[in-house]
Structures are given as structure tokens and as C-alpha cells.
Amino acid sequence: MHLGDVKQDKDGVWRIAGISGWLLVVTGNGQTVEEARQVAYHRAKNIKVPNMFYRTDIGVAWRTDGDKLHTWGYIA
């Protein structure tokens, strides 16, 4: 997990600070993209933030775009 646009105020409370409105980035790893997705979403579910929302489509396009990247030579 990586903090985003946040800061701690004088009372020690963490607050979203910038204009982007993002709090943190959660990543996952695994042998496959699907496994990495599952790890990331499991980690995200353990975070408690009022009114929290997050994308649920991360890595989905890999099923089609992964082959393109191989074909174009971006991935060996």
C-alpha cells in the first residue's frame, strides 16, 4: 500500500490533501494477473475509510491487451 495525496494535520488526523482526491494505492502480486487482482482486492477489503470506493476492473483488459503487447514486442 502506498499513500497518495494525504497529510497529517496538527491533531494527528490523516486527511486527503491535494486536488486529485486519491488516498492510496493498493497493489497485489501473483503468478498470474488474476491472482494479483485477488490479492489486491483482498488487501483493499481490509482497509476501512468512510465513503471509500475503488475500481473493480483493474487488470481485466489484460486478457485482450496482454496478447497485443506480446505481438508488438513490448513484452518478451
N, C-alpha and C. Protein backbone atom coordinates (compact mmCIF):
# COMPACT_ATOMS: atom_id res chain seq x y z
N MET A 1 0.84 -1.16 0.00
CA MET A 1 0.00 0.00 0.00
C MET A 1 0.89 1.23 0.00
N HIS A 2 0.48 2.21 -0.77
CA HIS A 2 1.27 3.43 -0.93
C HIS A 2 0.35 4.64 -0.73
N LEU A 3 0.70 5.48 0.23
CA LEU A 3 -0.11 6.67 0.47
C LEU A 3 -0.09 7.60 -0.72
N GLY A 4 -1.19 8.29 -0.92
CA GLY A 4 -1.32 9.20 -2.04
C GLY A 4 -1.27 10.65 -1.60
N ASP A 5 -2.27 11.40 -1.95
CA ASP A 5 -2.36 12.83 -1.68
C ASP A 5 -2.93 13.05 -0.28
N VAL A 6 -2.17 12.70 0.75
CA VAL A 6 -2.66 12.82 2.12
C VAL A 6 -1.64 13.57 2.98
N LYS A 7 -2.12 14.09 4.08
CA LYS A 7 -1.23 14.71 5.06
C LYS A 7 -1.85 14.54 6.44
N GLN A 8 -1.01 14.66 7.44
CA GLN A 8 -1.47 14.56 8.81
C GLN A 8 -1.60 15.98 9.36
N ASP A 9 -2.77 16.31 9.89
CA ASP A 9 -2.97 17.68 10.40
C ASP A 9 -2.38 17.82 11.79
N LYS A 10 -2.50 19.01 12.36
CA LYS A 10 -1.89 19.30 13.66
C LYS A 10 -2.44 18.45 14.80
N ASP A 11 -3.63 17.87 14.60
CA ASP A 11 -4.23 17.00 15.61
C ASP A 11 -3.92 15.52 15.37
N GLY A 12 -3.10 15.25 14.37
CA GLY A 12 -2.71 13.87 14.08
C GLY A 12 -3.70 13.11 13.22
N VAL A 13 -4.68 13.80 12.64
CA VAL A 13 -5.68 13.16 11.80
C VAL A 13 -5.20 13.19 10.35
N TRP A 14 -5.26 12.04 9.68
CA TRP A 14 -4.88 11.97 8.27
C TRP A 14 -6.02 12.49 7.41
N ARG A 15 -5.71 13.34 6.44
CA ARG A 15 -6.72 13.93 5.56
C ARG A 15 -6.24 13.90 4.12
N ILE A 16 -7.19 13.82 3.19
CA ILE A 16 -6.85 13.94 1.77
C ILE A 16 -6.42 15.38 1.55
N ALA A 17 -5.28 15.57 0.88
CA ALA A 17 -4.67 16.89 0.84
C ALA A 17 -4.77 17.59 -0.51
N GLY A 18 -4.52 16.93 -1.58
CA GLY A 18 -4.42 17.60 -2.87
C GLY A 18 -5.72 17.72 -3.61
N ILE A 19 -5.62 18.12 -4.86
CA ILE A 19 -6.82 18.30 -5.68
C ILE A 19 -7.22 17.01 -6.40
N SER A 20 -6.34 16.01 -6.39
CA SER A 20 -6.63 14.77 -7.12
C SER A 20 -7.68 13.91 -6.43
N GLY A 21 -7.73 13.95 -5.09
CA GLY A 21 -8.73 13.20 -4.35
C GLY A 21 -8.44 11.73 -4.16
N TRP A 22 -7.21 11.30 -4.37
CA TRP A 22 -6.92 9.88 -4.13
C TRP A 22 -6.14 9.72 -2.84
N LEU A 23 -6.47 8.66 -2.13
CA LEU A 23 -5.95 8.42 -0.80
C LEU A 23 -4.74 7.50 -0.80
N LEU A 24 -4.85 6.39 -1.48
CA LEU A 24 -3.75 5.44 -1.51
C LEU A 24 -3.87 4.50 -2.69
N VAL A 25 -2.79 3.79 -2.94
CA VAL A 25 -2.74 2.79 -3.99
C VAL A 25 -2.49 1.45 -3.33
N VAL A 26 -3.28 0.47 -3.69
CA VAL A 26 -3.11 -0.88 -3.18
C VAL A 26 -2.69 -1.76 -4.34
N THR A 27 -1.63 -2.52 -4.15
CA THR A 27 -1.15 -3.41 -5.21
C THR A 27 -1.19 -4.86 -4.73
N GLY A 28 -1.15 -5.75 -5.68
CA GLY A 28 -1.09 -7.17 -5.39
C GLY A 28 -0.10 -7.83 -6.32
N ASN A 29 0.38 -8.98 -5.94
CA ASN A 29 1.28 -9.72 -6.82
C ASN A 29 0.85 -11.18 -6.86
N GLY A 30 1.28 -11.85 -7.90
CA GLY A 30 0.93 -13.26 -8.05
C GLY A 30 1.54 -13.83 -9.31
N GLN A 31 1.35 -15.09 -9.52
CA GLN A 31 1.88 -15.77 -10.70
C GLN A 31 1.09 -15.39 -11.95
N THR A 32 -0.15 -14.97 -11.77
CA THR A 32 -0.99 -14.55 -12.89
C THR A 32 -1.60 -13.20 -12.57
N VAL A 33 -2.12 -12.54 -13.59
CA VAL A 33 -2.80 -11.27 -13.37
C VAL A 33 -4.01 -11.48 -12.47
N GLU A 34 -4.75 -12.54 -12.69
CA GLU A 34 -5.94 -12.81 -11.87
C GLU A 34 -5.57 -13.02 -10.40
N GLU A 35 -4.49 -13.73 -10.16
CA GLU A 35 -4.03 -13.94 -8.78
C GLU A 35 -3.63 -12.61 -8.13
N ALA A 36 -2.93 -11.77 -8.87
CA ALA A 36 -2.53 -10.45 -8.36
C ALA A 36 -3.76 -9.59 -8.06
N ARG A 37 -4.77 -9.67 -8.92
CA ARG A 37 -6.03 -8.94 -8.68
C ARG A 37 -6.66 -9.37 -7.37
N GLN A 38 -6.73 -10.68 -7.17
CA GLN A 38 -7.36 -11.20 -5.95
C GLN A 38 -6.62 -10.73 -4.71
N VAL A 39 -5.29 -10.73 -4.76
CA VAL A 39 -4.50 -10.26 -3.62
C VAL A 39 -4.78 -8.78 -3.36
N ALA A 40 -4.78 -7.97 -4.40
CA ALA A 40 -5.01 -6.53 -4.24
C ALA A 40 -6.40 -6.26 -3.66
N TYR A 41 -7.42 -6.92 -4.18
CA TYR A 41 -8.77 -6.67 -3.68
C TYR A 41 -8.96 -7.20 -2.26
N HIS A 42 -8.27 -8.28 -1.91
CA HIS A 42 -8.32 -8.77 -0.54
C HIS A 42 -7.71 -7.73 0.40
N ARG A 43 -6.59 -7.13 -0.01
CA ARG A 43 -5.97 -6.08 0.80
C ARG A 43 -6.88 -4.87 0.92
N ALA A 44 -7.51 -4.49 -0.17
CA ALA A 44 -8.39 -3.32 -0.17
C ALA A 44 -9.58 -3.53 0.76
N LYS A 45 -10.09 -4.74 0.84
CA LYS A 45 -11.24 -5.02 1.69
C LYS A 45 -10.91 -4.89 3.17
N ASN A 46 -9.62 -4.95 3.51
CA ASN A 46 -9.20 -4.82 4.90
C ASN A 46 -8.98 -3.37 5.31
N ILE A 47 -9.17 -2.43 4.40
CA ILE A 47 -9.00 -1.01 4.68
C ILE A 47 -10.36 -0.40 5.01
N LYS A 48 -10.41 0.34 6.07
CA LYS A 48 -11.66 0.97 6.49
C LYS A 48 -11.52 2.49 6.38
N VAL A 49 -12.21 3.07 5.41
CA VAL A 49 -12.22 4.51 5.19
C VAL A 49 -13.68 4.91 4.93
N PRO A 50 -14.18 5.93 5.60
CA PRO A 50 -15.56 6.35 5.35
C PRO A 50 -15.77 6.71 3.87
N ASN A 51 -16.86 6.25 3.31
CA ASN A 51 -17.23 6.54 1.91
C ASN A 51 -16.19 6.06 0.90
N MET A 52 -15.45 5.04 1.24
CA MET A 52 -14.41 4.53 0.36
C MET A 52 -15.00 3.91 -0.90
N PHE A 53 -14.32 4.11 -2.01
CA PHE A 53 -14.68 3.43 -3.26
C PHE A 53 -13.39 3.14 -4.01
N TYR A 54 -13.46 2.17 -4.90
CA TYR A 54 -12.29 1.81 -5.69
C TYR A 54 -12.73 1.12 -6.96
N ARG A 55 -11.81 1.10 -7.91
CA ARG A 55 -12.10 0.45 -9.19
C ARG A 55 -12.18 -1.06 -9.00
N THR A 56 -13.02 -1.68 -9.79
CA THR A 56 -13.14 -3.15 -9.74
C THR A 56 -12.76 -3.78 -11.07
N ASP A 57 -12.16 -3.01 -11.97
CA ASP A 57 -11.82 -3.52 -13.29
C ASP A 57 -10.31 -3.57 -13.55
N ILE A 58 -9.50 -3.40 -12.51
CA ILE A 58 -8.05 -3.41 -12.70
C ILE A 58 -7.61 -4.78 -13.23
N GLY A 59 -6.85 -4.76 -14.30
CA GLY A 59 -6.30 -5.99 -14.87
C GLY A 59 -7.23 -6.73 -15.81
N VAL A 60 -8.48 -6.34 -15.91
CA VAL A 60 -9.44 -7.06 -16.76
C VAL A 60 -9.02 -6.98 -18.23
N ALA A 61 -8.56 -5.81 -18.66
CA ALA A 61 -8.17 -5.64 -20.07
C ALA A 61 -6.95 -6.46 -20.44
N TRP A 62 -6.21 -6.93 -19.44
CA TRP A 62 -5.02 -7.74 -19.72
C TRP A 62 -5.37 -8.98 -20.54
N ARG A 63 -6.55 -9.49 -20.36
CA ARG A 63 -6.95 -10.70 -21.10
C ARG A 63 -6.86 -10.48 -22.60
N THR A 64 -7.14 -9.28 -23.07
CA THR A 64 -7.03 -8.99 -24.51
C THR A 64 -5.77 -8.19 -24.83
N ASP A 65 -5.42 -7.24 -23.99
CA ASP A 65 -4.29 -6.37 -24.27
C ASP A 65 -2.94 -7.06 -24.06
N GLY A 66 -2.90 -8.07 -23.23
CA GLY A 66 -1.64 -8.79 -22.99
C GLY A 66 -1.10 -9.39 -24.28
N ASP A 67 -1.98 -9.99 -25.08
CA ASP A 67 -1.55 -10.57 -26.36
C ASP A 67 -1.04 -9.48 -27.30
N LYS A 68 -1.69 -8.34 -27.31
CA LYS A 68 -1.24 -7.23 -28.17
C LYS A 68 0.16 -6.78 -27.78
N LEU A 69 0.41 -6.65 -26.48
CA LEU A 69 1.72 -6.21 -26.03
C LEU A 69 2.81 -7.19 -26.42
N HIS A 70 2.51 -8.49 -26.38
CA HIS A 70 3.46 -9.51 -26.84
C HIS A 70 3.70 -9.36 -28.34
N THR A 71 2.62 -9.22 -29.10
CA THR A 71 2.72 -9.10 -30.55
C THR A 71 3.52 -7.86 -30.96
N TRP A 72 3.32 -6.77 -30.27
CA TRP A 72 4.01 -5.53 -30.60
C TRP A 72 5.44 -5.48 -30.09
N GLY A 73 5.84 -6.50 -29.32
CA GLY A 73 7.22 -6.58 -28.84
C GLY A 73 7.50 -5.85 -27.54
N TYR A 74 6.47 -5.36 -26.86
CA TYR A 74 6.69 -4.67 -25.60
C TYR A 74 7.00 -5.66 -24.46
N ILE A 75 6.53 -6.89 -24.61
CA ILE A 75 6.77 -7.93 -23.61
C ILE A 75 7.35 -9.13 -24.34
N ALA A 76 8.42 -9.68 -23.78
CA ALA A 76 9.08 -10.84 -24.42
C ALA A 76 8.32 -12.11 -24.13
